Amino acid sequence: MSKTAKIIVTIIVVFAFFMLFALVNAGREASGHSTPGILGLILLAAAYGAIRAIWKSGKDKSKDSNNDYPDSMLQK
């Protein structure tokens, strides 16, 4: 994925997070609570995971193939 596409998708994820967080917070305030609660934490973790997945480097696809030791060293 190109860097421009990553930036655009990241902006969409952040916007969606703020919209959903505002909905959760409004619903919780309507019921008398002052914090977003566990749903807010779940949304935060989901946004963090989505952004990390978007920006994850493609260089570490297979760590096994980049082994520095020959097979004979591992079989000892």
C-alpha atoms as a PDB file:
ATOM      1  CA  MET A   1       0.000   0.000   0.000  1.00  0.00           C
ATOM      2  CA  SER A   2       1.386   3.411  -0.866  1.00  0.00           C
ATOM      3  CA  LYS A   3       2.087   6.005   1.785  1.00  0.00           C
ATOM      4  CA  THR A   4      -0.696   8.262   0.482  1.00  0.00           C
ATOM      5  CA  ALA A   5      -3.242   5.461   0.763  1.00  0.00           C
ATOM      6  CA  LYS A   6      -2.048   4.698   4.295  1.00  0.00           C
ATOM      7  CA  ILE A   7      -2.499   8.336   5.307  1.00  0.00           C
ATOM      8  CA  ILE A   8      -6.008   8.468   3.838  1.00  0.00           C
ATOM      9  CA  VAL A   9      -7.082   5.209   5.503  1.00  0.00           C
ATOM     10  CA  THR A  10      -5.566   6.381   8.824  1.00  0.00           C
ATOM     11  CA  ILE A  11      -7.576   9.611   8.638  1.00  0.00           C
ATOM     12  CA  ILE A  12     -10.740   7.574   7.971  1.00  0.00           C
ATOM     13  CA  VAL A  13     -10.002   5.299  10.966  1.00  0.00           C
ATOM     14  CA  VAL A  14      -9.402   8.286  13.269  1.00  0.00           C
ATOM     15  CA  PHE A  15     -12.589   9.994  12.049  1.00  0.00           C
ATOM     16  CA  ALA A  16     -14.623   6.804  12.553  1.00  0.00           C
ATOM     17  CA  PHE A  17     -13.136   6.391  16.035  1.00  0.00           C
ATOM     18  CA  PHE A  18     -14.120   9.923  17.057  1.00  0.00           C
ATOM     19  CA  MET A  19     -17.640   9.496  15.701  1.00  0.00           C
ATOM     20  CA  LEU A  20     -18.205   6.148  17.437  1.00  0.00           C
ATOM     21  CA  PHE A  21     -16.564   7.395  20.652  1.00  0.00           C
ATOM     22  CA  ALA A  22     -18.881  10.416  20.661  1.00  0.00           C
ATOM     23  CA  LEU A  23     -21.896   8.130  20.232  1.00  0.00           C
ATOM     24  CA  VAL A  24     -20.775   5.871  23.079  1.00  0.00           C
ATOM     25  CA  ASN A  25     -20.049   8.854  25.307  1.00  0.00           C
ATOM     26  CA  ALA A  26     -23.431  10.456  24.535  1.00  0.00           C
ATOM     27  CA  GLY A  27     -25.239   7.221  25.290  1.00  0.00           C
ATOM     28  CA  ARG A  28     -23.406   6.809  28.574  1.00  0.00           C
ATOM     29  CA  GLU A  29     -24.085  10.423  29.597  1.00  0.00           C
ATOM     30  CA  ALA A  30     -27.781   9.959  28.844  1.00  0.00           C
ATOM     31  CA  SER A  31     -27.854   7.079  31.300  1.00  0.00           C
ATOM     32  CA  GLY A  32     -26.116   9.103  34.008  1.00  0.00           C
ATOM     33  CA  HIS A  33     -22.493   7.965  33.684  1.00  0.00           C
ATOM     34  CA  SER A  34     -19.607  10.399  33.335  1.00  0.00           C
ATOM     35  CA  THR A  35     -17.079   8.173  31.546  1.00  0.00           C
ATOM     36  CA  PRO A  36     -17.282   6.160  28.308  1.00  0.00           C
ATOM     37  CA  GLY A  37     -16.618   2.910  30.177  1.00  0.00           C
ATOM     38  CA  ILE A  38     -15.512  -0.396  28.726  1.00  0.00           C
ATOM     39  CA  LEU A  39     -16.970   0.317  25.271  1.00  0.00           C
ATOM     40  CA  GLY A  40     -14.749   3.381  24.989  1.00  0.00           C
ATOM     41  CA  LEU A  41     -11.712   1.278  25.867  1.00  0.00           C
ATOM     42  CA  ILE A  42     -12.690  -1.334  23.291  1.00  0.00           C
ATOM     43  CA  LEU A  43     -13.044   1.355  20.625  1.00  0.00           C
ATOM     44  CA  LEU A  44      -9.666   2.817  21.562  1.00  0.00           C
ATOM     45  CA  ALA A  45      -7.985  -0.584  21.326  1.00  0.00           C
ATOM     46  CA  ALA A  46      -9.676  -1.270  17.978  1.00  0.00           C
ATOM     47  CA  ALA A  47      -8.519   2.068  16.546  1.00  0.00           C
ATOM     48  CA  TYR A  48      -4.987   1.470  17.820  1.00  0.00           C
ATOM     49  CA  GLY A  49      -4.903  -2.011  16.317  1.00  0.00           C
ATOM     50  CA  ALA A  50      -6.274  -0.783  12.999  1.00  0.00           C
ATOM     51  CA  ILE A  51      -3.667   1.971  12.731  1.00  0.00           C
ATOM     52  CA  ARG A  52      -0.867  -0.437  13.644  1.00  0.00           C
ATOM     53  CA  ALA A  53      -2.093  -2.891  11.015  1.00  0.00           C
ATOM     54  CA  ILE A  54      -2.208  -0.149   8.389  1.00  0.00           C
ATOM     55  CA  TRP A  55       1.332   1.075   9.097  1.00  0.00           C
ATOM     56  CA  LYS A  56       2.893  -2.343   9.683  1.00  0.00           C
ATOM     57  CA  SER A  57       6.002  -2.742   7.590  1.00  0.00           C
ATOM     58  CA  GLY A  58       5.926  -5.310   4.812  1.00  0.00           C
ATOM     59  CA  LYS A  59       9.585  -6.222   5.426  1.00  0.00           C
ATOM     60  CA  ASP A  60       8.887  -8.730   8.234  1.00  0.00           C
ATOM     61  CA  LYS A  61       6.618 -11.061   6.273  1.00  0.00           C
ATOM     62  CA  SER A  62       8.683 -14.175   6.907  1.00  0.00           C
ATOM     63  CA  LYS A  63      11.213 -14.185   9.707  1.00  0.00           C
ATOM     64  CA  ASP A  64      11.926 -17.892   9.207  1.00  0.00           C
ATOM     65  CA  SER A  65      13.385 -17.394   5.741  1.00  0.00           C
ATOM     66  CA  ASN A  66      15.810 -14.756   7.059  1.00  0.00           C
ATOM     67  CA  ASN A  67      17.486 -17.173   9.477  1.00  0.00           C
ATOM     68  CA  ASP A  68      21.171 -16.347  10.085  1.00  0.00           C
ATOM     69  CA  TYR A  69      22.053 -19.889  11.184  1.00  0.00           C
ATOM     70  CA  PRO A  70      22.365 -22.800   8.772  1.00  0.00           C
ATOM     71  CA  ASP A  71      20.214 -25.864   9.374  1.00  0.00           C
ATOM     72  CA  SER A  72      23.220 -27.876  10.604  1.00  0.00           C
ATOM     73  CA  MET A  73      23.640 -25.474  13.549  1.00  0.00           C
ATOM     74  CA  LEU A  74      20.042 -25.983  14.599  1.00  0.00           C
ATOM     75  CA  GLN A  75      20.193 -29.785  14.449  1.00  0.00           C
ATOM     76  CA  LYS A  76      23.076 -30.159  16.916  1.00  0.00           C
END
